[in-house]
Amino acid sequence: MSEPPEHPPGHAAAQASAYGHKPLLTVRNPVLTVPLIVAGACLAIPFVAMLWVDSYARLTPAFIGIPFFYWYQMLWVLVSTLLTTVAYVIVRRREEAARRERHTGGARE
């Protein structure tokens, strides 16, 4: 009995090998996915917020006697930590799923 083909029939690599050509590039998973875009946004939002100085360059409203300029920046330290954690979890889950897929040979559970 013959062995099953390495790639499904519609795959670019299968089409190229049918004509005796080697594929130049085979992509299993898209490089840029929605979760990675969300992770990137989570990392970009704090930078944009802190670079937009006109949005927080004022003294009022004060919070427990601390001018807005200072407490707003300190609030972003906490928000940035939360957003960085969300981005880390998203990327980590994607890496673990890719690792599982490699070890199981692409079979889904």
PDB file of N, CA and C in Angstrom:
ATOM      1  N   MET A   1       0.831  -1.182   0.000  1.00  0.00           N
ATOM      2  CA  MET A   1       0.000   0.000   0.000  1.00  0.00           C
ATOM      3  C   MET A   1       0.875   1.244   0.000  1.00  0.00           C
ATOM      4  N   SER A   2       0.416   2.267  -0.647  1.00  0.00           N
ATOM      5  CA  SER A   2       1.207   3.497  -0.707  1.00  0.00           C
ATOM      6  C   SER A   2       0.922   4.342   0.525  1.00  0.00           C
ATOM      7  N   GLU A   3       1.885   5.208   0.835  1.00  0.00           N
ATOM      8  CA  GLU A   3       1.739   6.092   1.984  1.00  0.00           C
ATOM      9  C   GLU A   3       0.843   7.263   1.608  1.00  0.00           C
ATOM     10  N   PRO A   4       0.140   7.826   2.601  1.00  0.00           N
ATOM     11  CA  PRO A   4      -0.719   8.975   2.301  1.00  0.00           C
ATOM     12  C   PRO A   4       0.134  10.177   1.907  1.00  0.00           C
ATOM     13  N   PRO A   5      -0.424  11.083   1.106  1.00  0.00           N
ATOM     14  CA  PRO A   5       0.342  12.270   0.709  1.00  0.00           C
ATOM     15  C   PRO A   5       0.639  13.144   1.924  1.00  0.00           C
ATOM     16  N   GLU A   6       1.737  13.892   1.822  1.00  0.00           N
ATOM     17  CA  GLU A   6       2.137  14.765   2.922  1.00  0.00           C
ATOM     18  C   GLU A   6       1.195  15.940   3.095  1.00  0.00           C
ATOM     19  N   HIS A   7       0.600  16.398   2.012  1.00  0.00           N
ATOM     20  CA  HIS A   7      -0.258  17.572   2.052  1.00  0.00           C
ATOM     21  C   HIS A   7      -1.623  17.217   1.487  1.00  0.00           C
ATOM     22  N   PRO A   8      -2.672  17.897   1.935  1.00  0.00           N
ATOM     23  CA  PRO A   8      -3.994  17.656   1.362  1.00  0.00           C
ATOM     24  C   PRO A   8      -4.010  18.024  -0.121  1.00  0.00           C
ATOM     25  N   PRO A   9      -4.938  17.462  -0.898  1.00  0.00           N
ATOM     26  CA  PRO A   9      -4.945  17.663  -2.351  1.00  0.00           C
ATOM     27  C   PRO A   9      -4.967  19.116  -2.806  1.00  0.00           C
ATOM     28  N   GLY A  10      -5.653  20.015  -2.143  1.00  0.00           N
ATOM     29  CA  GLY A  10      -5.736  21.401  -2.588  1.00  0.00           C
ATOM     30  C   GLY A  10      -4.587  22.275  -2.144  1.00  0.00           C
ATOM     31  N   HIS A  11      -3.691  21.737  -1.332  1.00  0.00           N
ATOM     32  CA  HIS A  11      -2.600  22.508  -0.750  1.00  0.00           C
ATOM     33  C   HIS A  11      -1.593  22.890  -1.835  1.00  0.00           C
ATOM     34  N   ALA A  12      -0.992  24.066  -1.722  1.00  0.00           N
ATOM     35  CA  ALA A  12      -0.041  24.562  -2.724  1.00  0.00           C
ATOM     36  C   ALA A  12       1.139  23.614  -2.893  1.00  0.00           C
ATOM     37  N   ALA A  13       1.599  23.024  -1.791  1.00  0.00           N
ATOM     38  CA  ALA A  13       2.729  22.101  -1.872  1.00  0.00           C
ATOM     39  C   ALA A  13       2.352  20.854  -2.650  1.00  0.00           C
ATOM     40  N   ALA A  14       1.125  20.363  -2.489  1.00  0.00           N
ATOM     41  CA  ALA A  14       0.669  19.185  -3.226  1.00  0.00           C
ATOM     42  C   ALA A  14       0.571  19.506  -4.714  1.00  0.00           C
ATOM     43  N   GLN A  15       0.082  20.679  -5.045  1.00  0.00           N
ATOM     44  CA  GLN A  15      -0.033  21.067  -6.448  1.00  0.00           C
ATOM     45  C   GLN A  15       1.346  21.206  -7.078  1.00  0.00           C
ATOM     46  N   ALA A  16       2.268  21.814  -6.347  1.00  0.00           N
ATOM     47  CA  ALA A  16       3.618  22.008  -6.872  1.00  0.00           C
ATOM     48  C   ALA A  16       4.313  20.666  -7.055  1.00  0.00           C
ATOM     49  N   SER A  17       4.150  19.737  -6.086  1.00  0.00           N
ATOM     50  CA  SER A  17       4.820  18.445  -6.210  1.00  0.00           C
ATOM     51  C   SER A  17       4.211  17.611  -7.323  1.00  0.00           C
ATOM     52  N   ALA A  18       2.954  17.819  -7.666  1.00  0.00           N
ATOM     53  CA  ALA A  18       2.321  17.097  -8.766  1.00  0.00           C
ATOM     54  C   ALA A  18       2.976  17.464 -10.087  1.00  0.00           C
ATOM     55  N   TYR A  19       3.510  18.675 -10.174  1.00  0.00           N
ATOM     56  CA  TYR A  19       4.180  19.121 -11.394  1.00  0.00           C
ATOM     57  C   TYR A  19       5.694  18.985 -11.298  1.00  0.00           C
ATOM     58  N   GLY A  20       6.181  18.393 -10.217  1.00  0.00           N
ATOM     59  CA  GLY A  20       7.615  18.192 -10.052  1.00  0.00           C
ATOM     60  C   GLY A  20       8.350  19.407  -9.528  1.00  0.00           C
ATOM     61  N   HIS A  21       7.646  20.399  -9.021  1.00  0.00           N
ATOM     62  CA  HIS A  21       8.274  21.597  -8.473  1.00  0.00           C
ATOM     63  C   HIS A  21       8.238  21.544  -6.953  1.00  0.00           C
ATOM     64  N   LYS A  22       9.234  22.169  -6.354  1.00  0.00           N
ATOM     65  CA  LYS A  22       9.209  22.329  -4.900  1.00  0.00           C
ATOM     66  C   LYS A  22       8.541  23.654  -4.583  1.00  0.00           C
ATOM     67  N   PRO A  23       7.650  23.684  -3.578  1.00  0.00           N
ATOM     68  CA  PRO A  23       7.038  24.965  -3.221  1.00  0.00           C
ATOM     69  C   PRO A  23       8.070  25.885  -2.580  1.00  0.00           C
ATOM     70  N   LEU A  24       7.988  27.161  -2.905  1.00  0.00           N
ATOM     71  CA  LEU A  24       8.905  28.134  -2.325  1.00  0.00           C
ATOM     72  C   LEU A  24       8.540  28.441  -0.880  1.00  0.00           C
ATOM     73  N   LEU A  25       7.262  28.437  -0.606  1.00  0.00           N
ATOM     74  CA  LEU A  25       6.814  28.796   0.734  1.00  0.00           C
ATOM     75  C   LEU A  25       5.543  28.038   1.042  1.00  0.00           C
ATOM     76  N   THR A  26       5.536  27.380   2.177  1.00  0.00           N
ATOM     77  CA  THR A  26       4.308  26.738   2.636  1.00  0.00           C
ATOM     78  C   THR A  26       3.959  27.335   3.984  1.00  0.00           C
ATOM     79  N   VAL A  27       2.720  27.716   4.147  1.00  0.00           N
ATOM     80  CA  VAL A  27       2.266  28.352   5.376  1.00  0.00           C
ATOM     81  C   VAL A  27       1.181  27.484   5.984  1.00  0.00           C
ATOM     82  N   ARG A  28       1.434  26.989   7.180  1.00  0.00           N
ATOM     83  CA  ARG A  28       0.422  26.187   7.865  1.00  0.00           C
ATOM     84  C   ARG A  28      -0.628  27.076   8.512  1.00  0.00           C
ATOM     85  N   ASN A  29      -0.166  28.019   9.282  1.00  0.00           N
ATOM     86  CA  ASN A  29      -1.062  28.933   9.985  1.00  0.00           C
ATOM     87  C   ASN A  29      -0.758  30.350   9.538  1.00  0.00           C
ATOM     88  N   PRO A  30      -1.770  31.197   9.477  1.00  0.00           N
ATOM     89  CA  PRO A  30      -1.483  32.592   9.131  1.00  0.00           C
ATOM     90  C   PRO A  30      -0.550  33.221  10.170  1.00  0.00           C
ATOM     91  N   VAL A  31       0.314  34.073   9.702  1.00  0.00           N
ATOM     92  CA  VAL A  31       1.273  34.718  10.598  1.00  0.00           C
ATOM     93  C   VAL A  31       0.574  35.748  11.475  1.00  0.00           C
ATOM     94  N   LEU A  32      -0.314  36.512  10.893  1.00  0.00           N
ATOM     95  CA  LEU A  32      -1.001  37.566  11.620  1.00  0.00           C
ATOM     96  C   LEU A  32      -2.464  37.166  11.799  1.00  0.00           C
ATOM     97  N   THR A  33      -2.826  36.888  13.037  1.00  0.00           N
ATOM     98  CA  THR A  33      -4.192  36.458  13.336  1.00  0.00           C
ATOM     99  C   THR A  33      -4.862  37.488  14.236  1.00  0.00           C
ATOM    100  N   VAL A  34      -6.161  37.352  14.408  1.00  0.00           N
ATOM    101  CA  VAL A  34      -6.915  38.296  15.245  1.00  0.00           C
ATOM    102  C   VAL A  34      -6.370  38.339  16.675  1.00  0.00           C
ATOM    103  N   PRO A  35      -6.092  37.188  17.313  1.00  0.00           N
ATOM    104  CA  PRO A  35      -5.537  37.280  18.675  1.00  0.00           C
ATOM    105  C   PRO A  35      -4.217  38.045  18.737  1.00  0.00           C
ATOM    106  N   LEU A  36      -3.369  37.892  17.723  1.00  0.00           N
ATOM    107  CA  LEU A  36      -2.106  38.635  17.732  1.00  0.00           C
ATOM    108  C   LEU A  36      -2.327  40.128  17.505  1.00  0.00           C
ATOM    109  N   ILE A  37      -3.328  40.478  16.728  1.00  0.00           N
ATOM    110  CA  ILE A  37      -3.671  41.891  16.546  1.00  0.00           C
ATOM    111  C   ILE A  37      -4.170  42.473  17.860  1.00  0.00           C
ATOM    112  N   VAL A  38      -4.988  41.720  18.581  1.00  0.00           N
ATOM    113  CA  VAL A  38      -5.479  42.173  19.889  1.00  0.00           C
ATOM    114  C   VAL A  38      -4.316  42.331  20.863  1.00  0.00           C
ATOM    115  N   ALA A  39      -3.384  41.386  20.859  1.00  0.00           N
ATOM    116  CA  ALA A  39      -2.215  41.487  21.734  1.00  0.00           C
ATOM    117  C   ALA A  39      -1.393  42.723  21.393  1.00  0.00           C
ATOM    118  N   GLY A  40      -1.207  42.988  20.110  1.00  0.00           N
ATOM    119  CA  GLY A  40      -0.476  44.184  19.696  1.00  0.00           C
ATOM    120  C   GLY A  40      -1.174  45.457  20.120  1.00  0.00           C
ATOM    121  N   ALA A  41      -2.499  45.469  20.016  1.00  0.00           N
ATOM    122  CA  ALA A  41      -3.267  46.644  20.459  1.00  0.00           C
ATOM    123  C   ALA A  41      -3.123  46.848  21.959  1.00  0.00           C
ATOM    124  N   CYS A  42      -3.137  45.744  22.709  1.00  0.00           N
ATOM    125  CA  CYS A  42      -2.964  45.849  24.170  1.00  0.00           C
ATOM    126  C   CYS A  42      -1.613  46.471  24.523  1.00  0.00           C
ATOM    127  N   LEU A  43      -0.606  46.205  23.716  1.00  0.00           N
ATOM    128  CA  LEU A  43       0.718  46.775  23.981  1.00  0.00           C
ATOM    129  C   LEU A  43       0.843  48.204  23.466  1.00  0.00           C
ATOM    130  N   ALA A  44       0.087  48.549  22.423  1.00  0.00           N
ATOM    131  CA  ALA A  44       0.196  49.883  21.827  1.00  0.00           C
ATOM    132  C   ALA A  44      -0.624  50.936  22.564  1.00  0.00           C
ATOM    133  N   ILE A  45      -1.738  50.552  23.140  1.00  0.00           N
ATOM    134  CA  ILE A  45      -2.648  51.508  23.791  1.00  0.00           C
ATOM    135  C   ILE A  45      -1.948  52.340  24.869  1.00  0.00           C
ATOM    136  N   PRO A  46      -1.185  51.745  25.797  1.00  0.00           N
ATOM    137  CA  PRO A  46      -0.514  52.580  26.807  1.00  0.00           C
ATOM    138  C   PRO A  46       0.468  53.579  26.209  1.00  0.00           C
ATOM    139  N   PHE A  47       1.174  53.191  25.146  1.00  0.00           N
ATOM    140  CA  PHE A  47       2.106  54.132  24.514  1.00  0.00           C
ATOM    141  C   PHE A  47       1.374  55.326  23.936  1.00  0.00           C
ATOM    142  N   VAL A  48       0.297  55.058  23.242  1.00  0.00           N
ATOM    143  CA  VAL A  48      -0.481  56.150  22.643  1.00  0.00           C
ATOM    144  C   VAL A  48      -1.042  57.054  23.742  1.00  0.00           C
ATOM    145  N   ALA A  49      -1.557  56.448  24.797  1.00  0.00           N
ATOM    146  CA  ALA A  49      -2.143  57.233  25.894  1.00  0.00           C
ATOM    147  C   ALA A  49      -1.107  58.140  26.553  1.00  0.00           C
ATOM    148  N   MET A  50       0.106  57.635  26.746  1.00  0.00           N
ATOM    149  CA  MET A  50       1.139  58.436  27.406  1.00  0.00           C
ATOM    150  C   MET A  50       1.779  59.455  26.463  1.00  0.00           C
ATOM    151  N   LEU A  51       1.793  59.166  25.175  1.00  0.00           N
ATOM    152  CA  LEU A  51       2.367  60.131  24.230  1.00  0.00           C
ATOM    153  C   LEU A  51       1.415  61.276  23.911  1.00  0.00           C
ATOM    154  N   TRP A  52       0.139  61.090  24.189  1.00  0.00           N
ATOM    155  CA  TRP A  52      -0.863  62.133  23.961  1.00  0.00           C
ATOM    156  C   TRP A  52      -0.939  63.002  25.217  1.00  0.00           C
ATOM    157  N   VAL A  53       0.074  63.815  25.423  1.00  0.00           N
ATOM    158  CA  VAL A  53       0.246  64.589  26.660  1.00  0.00           C
ATOM    159  C   VAL A  53      -0.869  65.607  26.862  1.00  0.00           C
ATOM    160  N   ASP A  54      -1.389  66.201  25.799  1.00  0.00           N
ATOM    161  CA  ASP A  54      -2.444  67.202  25.947  1.00  0.00           C
ATOM    162  C   ASP A  54      -3.682  66.649  26.649  1.00  0.00           C
ATOM    163  N   SER A  55      -3.877  65.340  26.611  1.00  0.00           N
ATOM    164  CA  SER A  55      -5.064  64.764  27.249  1.00  0.00           C
ATOM    165  C   SER A  55      -4.970  64.767  28.775  1.00  0.00           C
ATOM    166  N   TYR A  56      -3.754  64.869  29.330  1.00  0.00           N
ATOM    167  CA  TYR A  56      -3.628  64.832  30.792  1.00  0.00           C
ATOM    168  C   TYR A  56      -2.745  65.944  31.363  1.00  0.00           C
ATOM    169  N   ALA A  57      -2.389  66.929  30.577  1.00  0.00           N
ATOM    170  CA  ALA A  57      -1.541  68.020  31.051  1.00  0.00           C
ATOM    171  C   ALA A  57      -2.380  69.103  31.731  1.00  0.00           C
ATOM    172  N   ARG A  58      -2.928  68.762  32.893  1.00  0.00           N
ATOM    173  CA  ARG A  58      -3.725  69.726  33.677  1.00  0.00           C
ATOM    174  C   ARG A  58      -3.691  69.315  35.144  1.00  0.00           C
ATOM    175  N   LEU A  59      -4.151  70.195  35.993  1.00  0.00           N
ATOM    176  CA  LEU A  59      -4.111  69.933  37.430  1.00  0.00           C
ATOM    177  C   LEU A  59      -5.402  69.335  37.972  1.00  0.00           C
ATOM    178  N   THR A  60      -6.509  69.654  37.343  1.00  0.00           N
ATOM    179  CA  THR A  60      -7.789  69.175  37.858  1.00  0.00           C
ATOM    180  C   THR A  60      -8.344  68.092  36.950  1.00  0.00           C
ATOM    181  N   PRO A  61      -9.122  67.169  37.443  1.00  0.00           N
ATOM    182  CA  PRO A  61      -9.590  67.002  38.811  1.00  0.00           C
ATOM    183  C   PRO A  61      -8.524  66.332  39.683  1.00  0.00           C
ATOM    184  N   ALA A  62      -8.426  66.808  40.892  1.00  0.00           N
ATOM    185  CA  ALA A  62      -7.480  66.234  41.845  1.00  0.00           C
ATOM    186  C   ALA A  62      -8.117  65.018  42.509  1.00  0.00           C
ATOM    187  N   PHE A  63      -7.302  64.045  42.861  1.00  0.00           N
ATOM    188  CA  PHE A  63      -7.757  62.833  43.537  1.00  0.00           C
ATOM    189  C   PHE A  63      -6.976  62.712  44.830  1.00  0.00           C
ATOM    190  N   ILE A  64      -7.676  62.779  45.948  1.00  0.00           N
ATOM    191  CA  ILE A  64      -7.104  62.807  47.307  1.00  0.00           C
ATOM    192  C   ILE A  64      -5.919  63.780  47.394  1.00  0.00           C
ATOM    193  N   GLY A  65      -6.086  64.939  46.784  1.00  0.00           N
ATOM    194  CA  GLY A  65      -5.079  65.992  46.837  1.00  0.00           C
ATOM    195  C   GLY A  65      -3.966  65.869  45.815  1.00  0.00           C
ATOM    196  N   ILE A  66      -3.999  64.835  44.988  1.00  0.00           N
ATOM    197  CA  ILE A  66      -2.960  64.632  43.975  1.00  0.00           C
ATOM    198  C   ILE A  66      -3.464  65.192  42.646  1.00  0.00           C
ATOM    199  N   PRO A  67      -2.688  66.086  42.003  1.00  0.00           N
ATOM    200  CA  PRO A  67      -3.126  66.661  40.728  1.00  0.00           C
ATOM    201  C   PRO A  67      -3.346  65.578  39.669  1.00  0.00           C
ATOM    202  N   PHE A  68      -4.278  65.859  38.755  1.00  0.00           N
ATOM    203  CA  PHE A  68      -4.653  64.923  37.692  1.00  0.00           C
ATOM    204  C   PHE A  68      -3.440  64.426  36.919  1.00  0.00           C
ATOM    205  N   PHE A  69      -2.512  65.344  36.617  1.00  0.00           N
ATOM    206  CA  PHE A  69      -1.324  64.997  35.837  1.00  0.00           C
ATOM    207  C   PHE A  69      -0.603  63.793  36.423  1.00  0.00           C
ATOM    208  N   TYR A  70      -0.489  63.711  37.743  1.00  0.00           N
ATOM    209  CA  TYR A  70       0.251  62.618  38.387  1.00  0.00           C
ATOM    210  C   TYR A  70      -0.581  61.350  38.552  1.00  0.00           C
ATOM    211  N   TRP A  71      -1.814  61.500  39.053  1.00  0.00           N
ATOM    212  CA  TRP A  71      -2.576  60.275  39.299  1.00  0.00           C
ATOM    213  C   TRP A  71      -3.007  59.595  38.015  1.00  0.00           C
ATOM    214  N   TYR A  72      -3.178  60.336  36.934  1.00  0.00           N
ATOM    215  CA  TYR A  72      -3.525  59.755  35.639  1.00  0.00           C
ATOM    216  C   TYR A  72      -2.379  58.863  35.150  1.00  0.00           C
ATOM    217  N   GLN A  73      -1.155  59.350  35.285  1.00  0.00           N
ATOM    218  CA  GLN A  73      -0.002  58.548  34.869  1.00  0.00           C
ATOM    219  C   GLN A  73       0.163  57.307  35.737  1.00  0.00           C
ATOM    220  N   MET A  74      -0.073  57.435  37.013  1.00  0.00           N
ATOM    221  CA  MET A  74       0.031  56.276  37.908  1.00  0.00           C
ATOM    222  C   MET A  74      -1.072  55.261  37.616  1.00  0.00           C
ATOM    223  N   LEU A  75      -2.250  55.745  37.227  1.00  0.00           N
ATOM    224  CA  LEU A  75      -3.328  54.841  36.833  1.00  0.00           C
ATOM    225  C   LEU A  75      -2.915  54.056  35.593  1.00  0.00           C
ATOM    226  N   TRP A  76      -2.222  54.697  34.669  1.00  0.00           N
ATOM    227  CA  TRP A  76      -1.775  53.999  33.471  1.00  0.00           C
ATOM    228  C   TRP A  76      -0.715  52.955  33.757  1.00  0.00           C
ATOM    229  N   VAL A  77       0.015  53.100  34.844  1.00  0.00           N
ATOM    230  CA  VAL A  77       0.962  52.042  35.236  1.00  0.00           C
ATOM    231  C   VAL A  77       0.179  50.759  35.515  1.00  0.00           C
ATOM    232  N   LEU A  78      -0.921  50.876  36.240  1.00  0.00           N
ATOM    233  CA  LEU A  78      -1.749  49.704  36.540  1.00  0.00           C
ATOM    234  C   LEU A  78      -2.444  49.166  35.287  1.00  0.00           C
ATOM    235  N   VAL A  79      -3.000  50.065  34.484  1.00  0.00           N
ATOM    236  CA  VAL A  79      -3.685  49.650  33.257  1.00  0.00           C
ATOM    237  C   VAL A  79      -2.691  48.980  32.301  1.00  0.00           C
ATOM    238  N   SER A  80      -1.489  49.523  32.190  1.00  0.00           N
ATOM    239  CA  SER A  80      -0.462  48.941  31.323  1.00  0.00           C
ATOM    240  C   SER A  80      -0.075  47.539  31.780  1.00  0.00           C
ATOM    241  N   THR A  81       0.004  47.355  33.088  1.00  0.00           N
ATOM    242  CA  THR A  81       0.303  46.030  33.628  1.00  0.00           C
ATOM    243  C   THR A  81      -0.781  45.041  33.239  1.00  0.00           C
ATOM    244  N   LEU A  82      -2.025  45.440  33.383  1.00  0.00           N
ATOM    245  CA  LEU A  82      -3.147  44.578  33.019  1.00  0.00           C
ATOM    246  C   LEU A  82      -3.130  44.251  31.521  1.00  0.00           C
ATOM    247  N   LEU A  83      -2.940  45.261  30.678  1.00  0.00           N
ATOM    248  CA  LEU A  83      -2.928  45.042  29.230  1.00  0.00           C
ATOM    249  C   LEU A  83      -1.735  44.189  28.784  1.00  0.00           C
ATOM    250  N   THR A  84      -0.585  44.374  29.420  1.00  0.00           N
ATOM    251  CA  THR A  84       0.580  43.558  29.100  1.00  0.00           C
ATOM    252  C   THR A  84       0.337  42.100  29.487  1.00  0.00           C
ATOM    253  N   THR A  85      -0.322  41.885  30.618  1.00  0.00           N
ATOM    254  CA  THR A  85      -0.663  40.524  31.038  1.00  0.00           C
ATOM    255  C   THR A  85      -1.622  39.874  30.054  1.00  0.00           C
ATOM    256  N   VAL A  86      -2.615  40.607  29.590  1.00  0.00           N
ATOM    257  CA  VAL A  86      -3.558  40.082  28.598  1.00  0.00           C
ATOM    258  C   VAL A  86      -2.816  39.711  27.320  1.00  0.00           C
ATOM    259  N   ALA A  87      -1.924  40.575  26.849  1.00  0.00           N
ATOM    260  CA  ALA A  87      -1.147  40.291  25.636  1.00  0.00           C
ATOM    261  C   ALA A  87      -0.277  39.051  25.825  1.00  0.00           C
ATOM    262  N   TYR A  88       0.334  38.921  26.975  1.00  0.00           N
ATOM    263  CA  TYR A  88       1.180  37.751  27.271  1.00  0.00           C
ATOM    264  C   TYR A  88       0.368  36.460  27.222  1.00  0.00           C
ATOM    265  N   VAL A  89      -0.803  36.466  27.845  1.00  0.00           N
ATOM    266  CA  VAL A  89      -1.647  35.272  27.866  1.00  0.00           C
ATOM    267  C   VAL A  89      -2.088  34.902  26.452  1.00  0.00           C
ATOM    268  N   ILE A  90      -2.456  35.889  25.652  1.00  0.00           N
ATOM    269  CA  ILE A  90      -2.887  35.621  24.276  1.00  0.00           C
ATOM    270  C   ILE A  90      -1.754  34.977  23.474  1.00  0.00           C
ATOM    271  N   VAL A  91      -0.572  35.552  23.534  1.00  0.00           N
ATOM    272  CA  VAL A  91       0.558  35.029  22.763  1.00  0.00           C
ATOM    273  C   VAL A  91       0.968  33.658  23.286  1.00  0.00           C
ATOM    274  N   ARG A  92       0.964  33.492  24.586  1.00  0.00           N
ATOM    275  CA  ARG A  92       1.352  32.204  25.197  1.00  0.00           C
ATOM    276  C   ARG A  92       0.392  31.087  24.774  1.00  0.00           C
ATOM    277  N   ARG A  93      -0.910  31.365  24.779  1.00  0.00           N
ATOM    278  CA  ARG A  93      -1.886  30.359  24.351  1.00  0.00           C
ATOM    279  C   ARG A  93      -1.676  29.968  22.907  1.00  0.00           C
ATOM    280  N   ARG A  94      -1.359  30.938  22.064  1.00  0.00           N
ATOM    281  CA  ARG A  94      -1.110  30.645  20.647  1.00  0.00           C
ATOM    282  C   ARG A  94       0.124  29.769  20.497  1.00  0.00           C
ATOM    283  N   GLU A  95       1.182  30.082  21.231  1.00  0.00           N
ATOM    284  CA  GLU A  95       2.405  29.278  21.169  1.00  0.00           C
ATOM    285  C   GLU A  95       2.153  27.857  21.645  1.00  0.00           C
ATOM    286  N   GLU A  96       1.395  27.695  22.732  1.00  0.00           N
ATOM    287  CA  GLU A  96       1.099  26.362  23.249  1.00  0.00           C
ATOM    288  C   GLU A  96       0.244  25.565  22.269  1.00  0.00           C
ATOM    289  N   ALA A  97      -0.717  26.211  21.628  1.00  0.00           N
ATOM    290  CA  ALA A  97      -1.549  25.527  20.638  1.00  0.00           C
ATOM    291  C   ALA A  97      -0.699  25.083  19.449  1.00  0.00           C
ATOM    292  N   ALA A  98       0.222  25.922  19.001  1.00  0.00           N
ATOM    293  CA  ALA A  98       1.104  25.561  17.889  1.00  0.00           C
ATOM    294  C   ALA A  98       2.015  24.408  18.283  1.00  0.00           C
ATOM    295  N   ARG A  99       2.521  24.418  19.505  1.00  0.00           N
ATOM    296  CA  ARG A  99       3.384  23.343  19.987  1.00  0.00           C
ATOM    297  C   ARG A  99       2.614  22.027  20.056  1.00  0.00           C
ATOM    298  N   ARG A 100       1.386  22.082  20.567  1.00  0.00           N
ATOM    299  CA  ARG A 100       0.542  20.875  20.636  1.00  0.00           C
ATOM    300  C   ARG A 100       0.271  20.331  19.236  1.00  0.00           C
ATOM    301  N   GLU A 101       0.002  21.234  18.297  1.00  0.00           N
ATOM    302  CA  GLU A 101      -0.288  20.818  16.926  1.00  0.00           C
ATOM    303  C   GLU A 101       0.928  20.154  16.293  1.00  0.00           C
ATOM    304  N   ARG A 102       2.113  20.681  16.566  1.00  0.00           N
ATOM    305  CA  ARG A 102       3.333  20.071  16.025  1.00  0.00           C
ATOM    306  C   ARG A 102       3.559  18.679  16.594  1.00  0.00           C
ATOM    307  N   HIS A 103       3.301  18.510  17.898  1.00  0.00           N
ATOM    308  CA  HIS A 103       3.539  17.217  18.545  1.00  0.00           C
ATOM    309  C   HIS A 103       2.505  16.174  18.182  1.00  0.00           C
ATOM    310  N   THR A 104       1.295  16.593  17.875  1.00  0.00           N
ATOM    311  CA  THR A 104       0.257  15.631  17.507  1.00  0.00           C
ATOM    312  C   THR A 104       0.186  15.433  16.004  1.00  0.00           C
ATOM    313  N   GLY A 105       1.030  16.099  15.264  1.00  0.00           N
ATOM    314  CA  GLY A 105       1.059  15.930  13.816  1.00  0.00           C
ATOM    315  C   GLY A 105      -0.092  16.616  13.111  1.00  0.00           C
ATOM    316  N   GLY A 106      -0.661  17.636  13.738  1.00  0.00           N
ATOM    317  CA  GLY A 106      -1.742  18.381  13.108  1.00  0.00           C
ATOM    318  C   GLY A 106      -3.111  17.820  13.395  1.00  0.00           C
ATOM    319  N   ALA A 107      -3.189  16.702  14.121  1.00  0.00           N
ATOM    320  CA  ALA A 107      -4.497  16.120  14.433  1.00  0.00           C
ATOM    321  C   ALA A 107      -5.187  16.929  15.500  1.00  0.00           C
ATOM    322  N   ARG A 108      -6.448  17.161  15.313  1.00  0.00           N
ATOM    323  CA  ARG A 108      -7.238  17.934  16.290  1.00  0.00           C
ATOM    324  C   ARG A 108      -7.915  16.990  17.249  1.00  0.00           C
ATOM    325  N   GLU A 109      -8.070  17.463  18.484  1.00  0.00           N
ATOM    326  CA  GLU A 109      -8.732  16.630  19.502  1.00  0.00           C
ATOM    327  C   GLU A 109     -10.214  16.797  19.467  1.00  0.00           C
TER     328      GLU A 109
END
